[in-house]
């Protein structure tokens, strides 16, 4: 009977040690997950800043492109008119 109690106590001790190891590993995994979530959050924030900057640049350059297209169209009309006059 004493031997059975001793073996049961040893087995309980092994189970508790195994659980302690699992809890430690889970804690380490949670630390890794927390670090990855922090990095992901930082990347999302940086991406949002980059998108805001891209939108601002696009708004800034759109009027320039419209002006350039207008000037090119005007030049083409003038050149077409000159060619039309010269060929008559």
PDB file of N, CA and C in Angstrom:
ATOM      1  N   UNK A   1       0.822  -1.195   0.000  1.00  0.00           N
ATOM      2  CA  UNK A   1       0.000   0.000   0.000  1.00  0.00           C
ATOM      3  C   UNK A   1       0.863   1.255   0.000  1.00  0.00           C
ATOM      4  N   UNK A   2       1.889   1.254   0.825  1.00  0.00           N
ATOM      5  CA  UNK A   2       2.792   2.397   0.882  1.00  0.00           C
ATOM      6  C   UNK A   2       3.496   2.586  -0.458  1.00  0.00           C
ATOM      7  N   UNK A   3       3.862   1.497  -1.087  1.00  0.00           N
ATOM      8  CA  UNK A   3       4.505   1.527  -2.393  1.00  0.00           C
ATOM      9  C   UNK A   3       3.555   2.117  -3.445  1.00  0.00           C
ATOM     10  N   UNK A   4       2.289   1.781  -3.361  1.00  0.00           N
ATOM     11  CA  UNK A   4       1.297   2.320  -4.311  1.00  0.00           C
ATOM     12  C   UNK A   4       1.134   3.820  -4.126  1.00  0.00           C
ATOM     13  N   UNK A   5       1.109   4.283  -2.897  1.00  0.00           N
ATOM     14  CA  UNK A   5       0.994   5.720  -2.603  1.00  0.00           C
ATOM     15  C   UNK A   5       2.230   6.448  -3.129  1.00  0.00           C
ATOM     16  N   UNK A   6       3.384   5.852  -2.931  1.00  0.00           N
ATOM     17  CA  UNK A   6       4.631   6.457  -3.404  1.00  0.00           C
ATOM     18  C   UNK A   6       4.629   6.555  -4.937  1.00  0.00           C
ATOM     19  N   UNK A   7       4.202   5.497  -5.592  1.00  0.00           N
ATOM     20  CA  UNK A   7       4.146   5.512  -7.066  1.00  0.00           C
ATOM     21  C   UNK A   7       3.115   6.534  -7.560  1.00  0.00           C
ATOM     22  N   UNK A   8       1.980   6.621  -6.887  1.00  0.00           N
ATOM     23  CA  UNK A   8       0.955   7.597  -7.266  1.00  0.00           C
ATOM     24  C   UNK A   8       1.480   9.013  -7.070  1.00  0.00           C
ATOM     25  N   UNK A   9       2.197   9.248  -5.986  1.00  0.00           N
ATOM     26  CA  UNK A   9       2.773  10.564  -5.713  1.00  0.00           C
ATOM     27  C   UNK A   9       3.805  10.933  -6.773  1.00  0.00           C
ATOM     28  N   UNK A  10       4.643   9.960  -7.150  1.00  0.00           N
ATOM     29  CA  UNK A  10       5.641  10.190  -8.198  1.00  0.00           C
ATOM     30  C   UNK A  10       4.951  10.528  -9.515  1.00  0.00           C
ATOM     31  N   UNK A  11       3.897   9.785  -9.834  1.00  0.00           N
ATOM     32  CA  UNK A  11       3.160  10.028 -11.091  1.00  0.00           C
ATOM     33  C   UNK A  11       2.500  11.406 -11.074  1.00  0.00           C
ATOM     34  N   UNK A  12       1.918  11.782  -9.930  1.00  0.00           N
ATOM     35  CA  UNK A  12       1.311  13.124  -9.807  1.00  0.00           C
ATOM     36  C   UNK A  12       2.377  14.195  -9.984  1.00  0.00           C
ATOM     37  N   UNK A  13       3.545  13.982  -9.409  1.00  0.00           N
ATOM     38  CA  UNK A  13       4.648  14.929  -9.545  1.00  0.00           C
ATOM     39  C   UNK A  13       5.058  15.058 -11.019  1.00  0.00           C
ATOM     40  N   UNK A  14       5.124  13.936 -11.722  1.00  0.00           N
ATOM     41  CA  UNK A  14       5.473  13.966 -13.153  1.00  0.00           C
ATOM     42  C   UNK A  14       4.425  14.745 -13.949  1.00  0.00           C
ATOM     43  N   UNK A  15       3.154  14.502 -13.615  1.00  0.00           N
ATOM     44  CA  UNK A  15       2.071  15.208 -14.323  1.00  0.00           C
ATOM     45  C   UNK A  15       2.171  16.716 -14.082  1.00  0.00           C
ATOM     46  N   UNK A  16       2.407  17.098 -12.826  1.00  0.00           N
ATOM     47  CA  UNK A  16       2.528  18.525 -12.493  1.00  0.00           C
ATOM     48  C   UNK A  16       3.731  19.138 -13.211  1.00  0.00           C
ATOM     49  N   UNK A  17       4.844  18.417 -13.266  1.00  0.00           N
ATOM     50  CA  UNK A  17       6.030  18.917 -13.985  1.00  0.00           C
ATOM     51  C   UNK A  17       5.737  19.066 -15.486  1.00  0.00           C
ATOM     52  N   UNK A  18       5.043  18.080 -16.053  1.00  0.00           N
ATOM     53  CA  UNK A  18       4.674  18.151 -17.471  1.00  0.00           C
ATOM     54  C   UNK A  18       3.767  19.362 -17.736  1.00  0.00           C
ATOM     55  N   UNK A  19       2.817  19.578 -16.830  1.00  0.00           N
ATOM     56  CA  UNK A  19       1.926  20.734 -16.987  1.00  0.00           C
ATOM     57  C   UNK A  19       2.699  22.042 -16.866  1.00  0.00           C
ATOM     58  N   UNK A  20       3.646  22.090 -15.954  1.00  0.00           N
ATOM     59  CA  UNK A  20       4.459  23.296 -15.776  1.00  0.00           C
ATOM     60  C   UNK A  20       5.236  23.603 -17.062  1.00  0.00           C
ATOM     61  N   UNK A  21       5.767  22.566 -17.692  1.00  0.00           N
ATOM     62  CA  UNK A  21       6.503  22.741 -18.953  1.00  0.00           C
ATOM     63  C   UNK A  21       5.564  23.243 -20.039  1.00  0.00           C
ATOM     64  N   UNK A  22       4.353  22.659 -20.114  1.00  0.00           N
ATOM     65  CA  UNK A  22       3.385  23.091 -21.127  1.00  0.00           C
ATOM     66  C   UNK A  22       2.968  24.548 -20.907  1.00  0.00           C
ATOM     67  N   UNK A  23       2.759  24.925 -19.653  1.00  0.00           N
ATOM     68  CA  UNK A  23       2.376  26.310 -19.348  1.00  0.00           C
ATOM     69  C   UNK A  23       3.499  27.262 -19.747  1.00  0.00           C
ATOM     70  N   UNK A  24       4.735  26.888 -19.466  1.00  0.00           N
ATOM     71  CA  UNK A  24       5.877  27.728 -19.844  1.00  0.00           C
ATOM     72  C   UNK A  24       5.953  27.870 -21.363  1.00  0.00           C
ATOM     73  N   UNK A  25       5.778  26.766 -22.087  1.00  0.00           N
ATOM     74  CA  UNK A  25       5.822  26.813 -23.556  1.00  0.00           C
ATOM     75  C   UNK A  25       4.690  27.681 -24.102  1.00  0.00           C
ATOM     76  N   UNK A  26       3.504  27.555 -23.504  1.00  0.00           N
ATOM     77  CA  UNK A  26       2.380  28.376 -23.948  1.00  0.00           C
ATOM     78  C   UNK A  26       2.658  29.848 -23.679  1.00  0.00           C
ATOM     79  N   UNK A  27       3.292  30.146 -22.546  1.00  0.00           N
ATOM     80  CA  UNK A  27       3.662  31.535 -22.239  1.00  0.00           C
ATOM     81  C   UNK A  27       4.641  32.076 -23.268  1.00  0.00           C
ATOM     82  N   UNK A  28       5.608  31.247 -23.663  1.00  0.00           N
ATOM     83  CA  UNK A  28       6.569  31.661 -24.690  1.00  0.00           C
ATOM     84  C   UNK A  28       5.856  31.882 -26.019  1.00  0.00           C
ATOM     85  N   UNK A  29       4.914  30.998 -26.352  1.00  0.00           N
ATOM     86  CA  UNK A  29       4.150  31.166 -27.598  1.00  0.00           C
ATOM     87  C   UNK A  29       3.316  32.441 -27.553  1.00  0.00           C
ATOM     88  N   UNK A  30       2.734  32.736 -26.403  1.00  0.00           N
ATOM     89  CA  UNK A  30       1.960  33.975 -26.270  1.00  0.00           C
ATOM     90  C   UNK A  30       2.854  35.200 -26.433  1.00  0.00           C
ATOM     91  N   UNK A  31       4.065  35.127 -25.909  1.00  0.00           N
ATOM     92  CA  UNK A  31       5.011  36.236 -26.084  1.00  0.00           C
ATOM     93  C   UNK A  31       5.327  36.445 -27.566  1.00  0.00           C
ATOM     94  N   UNK A  32       5.539  35.346 -28.279  1.00  0.00           N
ATOM     95  CA  UNK A  32       5.829  35.436 -29.723  1.00  0.00           C
ATOM     96  C   UNK A  32       4.632  36.024 -30.455  1.00  0.00           C
ATOM     97  N   UNK A  33       3.432  35.555 -30.117  1.00  0.00           N
ATOM     98  CA  UNK A  33       2.220  36.072 -30.768  1.00  0.00           C
ATOM     99  C   UNK A  33       2.065  37.558 -30.479  1.00  0.00           C
ATOM    100  N   UNK A  34       2.311  37.975 -29.250  1.00  0.00           N
ATOM    101  CA  UNK A  34       2.210  39.386 -28.880  1.00  0.00           C
ATOM    102  C   UNK A  34       3.197  40.228 -29.683  1.00  0.00           C
ATOM    103  N   UNK A  35       4.424  39.745 -29.827  1.00  0.00           N
ATOM    104  CA  UNK A  35       5.434  40.461 -30.619  1.00  0.00           C
ATOM    105  C   UNK A  35       4.995  40.581 -32.072  1.00  0.00           C
ATOM    106  N   UNK A  36       4.476  39.501 -32.629  1.00  0.00           N
ATOM    107  CA  UNK A  36       4.041  39.520 -34.027  1.00  0.00           C
ATOM    108  C   UNK A  36       2.852  40.462 -34.221  1.00  0.00           C
ATOM    109  N   UNK A  37       1.934  40.477 -33.264  1.00  0.00           N
ATOM    110  CA  UNK A  37       0.794  41.393 -33.356  1.00  0.00           C
ATOM    111  C   UNK A  37       1.261  42.847 -33.275  1.00  0.00           C
ATOM    112  N   UNK A  38       2.243  43.104 -32.423  1.00  0.00           N
ATOM    113  CA  UNK A  38       2.791  44.462 -32.321  1.00  0.00           C
ATOM    114  C   UNK A  38       3.439  44.875 -33.634  1.00  0.00           C
ATOM    115  N   UNK A  39       4.226  43.978 -34.226  1.00  0.00           N
ATOM    116  CA  UNK A  39       4.860  44.270 -35.516  1.00  0.00           C
ATOM    117  C   UNK A  39       3.807  44.495 -36.599  1.00  0.00           C
ATOM    118  N   UNK A  40       2.766  43.660 -36.599  1.00  0.00           N
ATOM    119  CA  UNK A  40       1.701  43.799 -37.588  1.00  0.00           C
ATOM    120  C   UNK A  40       1.004  45.139 -37.435  1.00  0.00           C
ATOM    121  N   UNK A  41       0.733  45.523 -36.206  1.00  0.00           N
ATOM    122  CA  UNK A  41       0.094  46.809 -35.946  1.00  0.00           C
ATOM    123  C   UNK A  41       0.965  47.963 -36.446  1.00  0.00           C
ATOM    124  N   UNK A  42       2.265  47.880 -36.198  1.00  0.00           N
ATOM    125  CA  UNK A  42       3.185  48.920 -36.667  1.00  0.00           C
ATOM    126  C   UNK A  42       3.203  48.970 -38.193  1.00  0.00           C
ATOM    127  N   UNK A  43       3.188  47.801 -38.836  1.00  0.00           N
ATOM    128  CA  UNK A  43       3.177  47.754 -40.299  1.00  0.00           C
ATOM    129  C   UNK A  43       1.894  48.343 -40.866  1.00  0.00           C
ATOM    130  N   UNK A  44       0.770  48.071 -40.219  1.00  0.00           N
ATOM    131  CA  UNK A  44      -0.504  48.624 -40.674  1.00  0.00           C
ATOM    132  C   UNK A  44      -0.504  50.141 -40.534  1.00  0.00           C
ATOM    133  N   UNK A  45       0.007  50.635 -39.409  1.00  0.00           N
ATOM    134  CA  UNK A  45       0.078  52.085 -39.209  1.00  0.00           C
ATOM    135  C   UNK A  45       0.974  52.738 -40.261  1.00  0.00           C
ATOM    136  N   UNK A  46       2.118  52.116 -40.539  1.00  0.00           N
ATOM    137  CA  UNK A  46       3.018  52.657 -41.560  1.00  0.00           C
ATOM    138  C   UNK A  46       2.357  52.613 -42.939  1.00  0.00           C
ATOM    139  N   UNK A  47       1.647  51.541 -43.220  1.00  0.00           N
ATOM    140  CA  UNK A  47       0.940  51.431 -44.502  1.00  0.00           C
ATOM    141  C   UNK A  47      -0.120  52.517 -44.631  1.00  0.00           C
ATOM    142  N   UNK A  48      -0.828  52.779 -43.560  1.00  0.00           N
ATOM    143  CA  UNK A  48      -1.836  53.848 -43.590  1.00  0.00           C
ATOM    144  C   UNK A  48      -1.189  55.204 -43.845  1.00  0.00           C
ATOM    145  N   UNK A  49      -0.036  55.454 -43.223  1.00  0.00           N
ATOM    146  CA  UNK A  49       0.675  56.718 -43.471  1.00  0.00           C
ATOM    147  C   UNK A  49       1.113  56.795 -44.942  1.00  0.00           C
ATOM    148  N   UNK A  50       1.614  55.674 -45.472  1.00  0.00           N
ATOM    149  CA  UNK A  50       2.037  55.650 -46.878  1.00  0.00           C
ATOM    150  C   UNK A  50       0.859  55.891 -47.817  1.00  0.00           C
ATOM    151  N   UNK A  51      -0.287  55.300 -47.490  1.00  0.00           N
ATOM    152  CA  UNK A  51      -1.479  55.521 -48.322  1.00  0.00           C
ATOM    153  C   UNK A  51      -1.934  56.975 -48.263  1.00  0.00           C
ATOM    154  N   UNK A  52      -1.902  57.553 -47.070  1.00  0.00           N
ATOM    155  CA  UNK A  52      -2.267  58.968 -46.942  1.00  0.00           C
ATOM    156  C   UNK A  52      -1.333  59.842 -47.772  1.00  0.00           C
ATOM    157  N   UNK A  53      -0.057  59.525 -47.730  1.00  0.00           N
ATOM    158  CA  UNK A  53       0.933  60.285 -48.500  1.00  0.00           C
ATOM    159  C   UNK A  53       0.699  60.099 -50.001  1.00  0.00           C
ATOM    160  N   UNK A  54       0.385  58.885 -50.408  1.00  0.00           N
ATOM    161  CA  UNK A  54       0.133  58.620 -51.827  1.00  0.00           C
ATOM    162  C   UNK A  54      -1.103  59.366 -52.309  1.00  0.00           C
ATOM    163  N   UNK A  55      -2.141  59.396 -51.495  1.00  0.00           N
ATOM    164  CA  UNK A  55      -3.361  60.127 -51.864  1.00  0.00           C
ATOM    165  C   UNK A  55      -3.055  61.616 -51.997  1.00  0.00           C
ATOM    166  N   UNK A  56      -2.285  62.150 -51.052  1.00  0.00           N
ATOM    167  CA  UNK A  56      -1.919  63.574 -51.121  1.00  0.00           C
ATOM    168  C   UNK A  56      -1.104  63.875 -52.369  1.00  0.00           C
ATOM    169  N   UNK A  57      -0.148  63.000 -52.691  1.00  0.00           N
ATOM    170  CA  UNK A  57       0.660  63.209 -53.897  1.00  0.00           C
ATOM    171  C   UNK A  57      -0.187  63.107 -55.163  1.00  0.00           C
ATOM    172  N   UNK A  58      -1.123  62.174 -55.161  1.00  0.00           N
ATOM    173  CA  UNK A  58      -1.982  62.008 -56.334  1.00  0.00           C
ATOM    174  C   UNK A  58      -2.850  63.245 -56.533  1.00  0.00           C
ATOM    175  N   UNK A  59      -3.390  63.771 -55.453  1.00  0.00           N
ATOM    176  CA  UNK A  59      -4.209  64.990 -55.557  1.00  0.00           C
ATOM    177  C   UNK A  59      -3.360  66.166 -56.039  1.00  0.00           C
ATOM    178  N   UNK A  60      -2.122  66.173 -55.612  1.00  0.00           N
ATOM    179  CA  UNK A  60      -1.218  67.266 -55.975  1.00  0.00           C
ATOM    180  C   UNK A  60      -0.819  67.191 -57.452  1.00  0.00           C
ATOM    181  N   UNK A  61      -0.623  65.991 -57.987  1.00  0.00           N
ATOM    182  CA  UNK A  61      -0.145  65.853 -59.360  1.00  0.00           C
ATOM    183  C   UNK A  61      -1.268  65.813 -60.389  1.00  0.00           C
ATOM    184  N   UNK A  62      -2.476  65.481 -60.011  1.00  0.00           N
ATOM    185  CA  UNK A  62      -3.581  65.424 -60.973  1.00  0.00           C
ATOM    186  C   UNK A  62      -3.789  66.738 -61.720  1.00  0.00           C
ATOM    187  N   UNK A  63      -3.819  67.886 -61.054  1.00  0.00           N
ATOM    188  CA  UNK A  63      -3.987  69.141 -61.798  1.00  0.00           C
ATOM    189  C   UNK A  63      -2.837  69.389 -62.782  1.00  0.00           C
ATOM    190  N   UNK A  64      -1.641  68.989 -62.433  1.00  0.00           N
ATOM    191  CA  UNK A  64      -0.492  69.174 -63.324  1.00  0.00           C
ATOM    192  C   UNK A  64      -0.674  68.347 -64.598  1.00  0.00           C
ATOM    193  N   UNK A  65      -1.139  67.108 -64.441  1.00  0.00           N
ATOM    194  CA  UNK A  65      -1.359  66.267 -65.622  1.00  0.00           C
ATOM    195  C   UNK A  65      -2.475  66.835 -66.495  1.00  0.00           C
ATOM    196  N   UNK A  66      -3.519  67.348 -65.883  1.00  0.00           N
ATOM    197  CA  UNK A  66      -4.603  67.943 -66.665  1.00  0.00           C
ATOM    198  C   UNK A  66      -4.095  69.138 -67.454  1.00  0.00           C
ATOM    199  N   UNK A  67      -3.276  69.968 -66.816  1.00  0.00           N
ATOM    200  CA  UNK A  67      -2.702  71.125 -67.504  1.00  0.00           C
ATOM    201  C   UNK A  67      -1.804  70.665 -68.644  1.00  0.00           C
ATOM    202  N   UNK A  68      -0.998  69.638 -68.410  1.00  0.00           N
ATOM    203  CA  UNK A  68      -0.114  69.112 -69.448  1.00  0.00           C
ATOM    204  C   UNK A  68      -0.921  68.583 -70.630  1.00  0.00           C
ATOM    205  N   UNK A  69      -1.987  67.855 -70.355  1.00  0.00           N
ATOM    206  CA  UNK A  69      -2.838  67.327 -71.434  1.00  0.00           C
ATOM    207  C   UNK A  69      -3.478  68.475 -72.211  1.00  0.00           C
ATOM    208  N   UNK A  70      -3.920  69.501 -71.495  1.00  0.00           N
ATOM    209  CA  UNK A  70      -4.529  70.657 -72.157  1.00  0.00           C
ATOM    210  C   UNK A  70      -3.508  71.342 -73.071  1.00  0.00           C
ATOM    211  N   UNK A  71      -2.281  71.515 -72.589  1.00  0.00           N
ATOM    212  CA  UNK A  71      -1.244  72.176 -73.392  1.00  0.00           C
ATOM    213  C   UNK A  71      -0.907  71.334 -74.620  1.00  0.00           C
ATOM    214  N   UNK A  72      -0.774  70.028 -74.445  1.00  0.00           N
ATOM    215  CA  UNK A  72      -0.478  69.147 -75.580  1.00  0.00           C
ATOM    216  C   UNK A  72      -1.614  69.212 -76.595  1.00  0.00           C
ATOM    217  N   UNK A  73      -2.849  69.184 -76.116  1.00  0.00           N
ATOM    218  CA  UNK A  73      -3.993  69.265 -77.032  1.00  0.00           C
ATOM    219  C   UNK A  73      -3.995  70.603 -77.767  1.00  0.00           C
ATOM    220  N   UNK A  74      -3.691  71.682 -77.057  1.00  0.00           N
ATOM    221  CA  UNK A  74      -3.649  73.014 -77.675  1.00  0.00           C
ATOM    222  C   UNK A  74      -2.556  73.072 -78.729  1.00  0.00           C
ATOM    223  N   UNK A  75      -1.390  72.507 -78.426  1.00  0.00           N
ATOM    224  CA  UNK A  75      -0.287  72.489 -79.390  1.00  0.00           C
ATOM    225  C   UNK A  75      -0.698  71.689 -80.627  1.00  0.00           C
ATOM    226  N   UNK A  76      -1.350  70.547 -80.415  1.00  0.00           N
ATOM    227  CA  UNK A  76      -1.786  69.732 -81.549  1.00  0.00           C
ATOM    228  C   UNK A  76      -2.795  70.488 -82.413  1.00  0.00           C
ATOM    229  N   UNK A  77      -3.701  71.219 -81.788  1.00  0.00           N
ATOM    230  CA  UNK A  77      -4.684  72.006 -82.543  1.00  0.00           C
ATOM    231  C   UNK A  77      -3.982  73.095 -83.339  1.00  0.00           C
ATOM    232  N   UNK A  78      -3.052  73.775 -82.701  1.00  0.00           N
ATOM    233  CA  UNK A  78      -2.314  74.847 -83.397  1.00  0.00           C
ATOM    234  C   UNK A  78      -1.504  74.262 -84.543  1.00  0.00           C
ATOM    235  N   UNK A  79      -0.779  73.165 -84.295  1.00  0.00           N
ATOM    236  CA  UNK A  79       0.023  72.540 -85.352  1.00  0.00           C
ATOM    237  C   UNK A  79      -0.892  72.065 -86.477  1.00  0.00           C
ATOM    238  N   UNK A  80      -2.026  71.472 -86.123  1.00  0.00           N
ATOM    239  CA  UNK A  80      -2.983  71.035 -87.147  1.00  0.00           C
ATOM    240  C   UNK A  80      -3.505  72.201 -87.949  1.00  0.00           C
ATOM    241  N   UNK A  81      -3.767  73.311 -87.276  1.00  0.00           N
ATOM    242  CA  UNK A  81      -4.230  74.511 -87.985  1.00  0.00           C
ATOM    243  C   UNK A  81      -3.165  75.053 -88.916  1.00  0.00           C
ATOM    244  N   UNK A  82      -1.926  75.096 -88.440  1.00  0.00           N
ATOM    245  CA  UNK A  82      -0.818  75.596 -89.271  1.00  0.00           C
ATOM    246  C   UNK A  82      -0.634  74.684 -90.481  1.00  0.00           C
ATOM    247  N   UNK A  83      -0.662  73.368 -90.270  1.00  0.00           N
ATOM    248  CA  UNK A  83      -0.512  72.429 -91.376  1.00  0.00           C
ATOM    249  C   UNK A  83      -1.671  72.608 -92.367  1.00  0.00           C
ATOM    250  N   UNK A  84      -2.844  72.811 -91.858  1.00  0.00           N
ATOM    251  CA  UNK A  84      -4.017  73.000 -92.699  1.00  0.00           C
ATOM    252  C   UNK A  84      -3.868  74.254 -93.569  1.00  0.00           C
ATOM    253  N   UNK A  85      -3.372  75.311 -92.966  1.00  0.00           N
ATOM    254  CA  UNK A  85      -3.192  76.568 -93.703  1.00  0.00           C
ATOM    255  C   UNK A  85      -2.091  76.425 -94.742  1.00  0.00           C
ATOM    256  N   UNK A  86      -0.984  75.788 -94.366  1.00  0.00           N
ATOM    257  CA  UNK A  86       0.158  75.642 -95.258  1.00  0.00           C
ATOM    258  C   UNK A  86      -0.205  74.763 -96.448  1.00  0.00           C
ATOM    259  N   UNK A  87      -0.980  73.737 -96.259  1.00  0.00           N
ATOM    260  CA  UNK A  87      -1.298  72.817 -97.350  1.00  0.00           C
ATOM    261  C   UNK A  87      -2.359  73.362 -98.307  1.00  0.00           C
ATOM    262  N   UNK A  88      -3.006  74.417 -97.968  1.00  0.00           N
ATOM    263  CA  UNK A  88      -4.052  74.956 -98.857  1.00  0.00           C
ATOM    264  C   UNK A  88      -3.468  75.707 -99.995  1.00  0.00           C
TER     265      UNK A  88
END
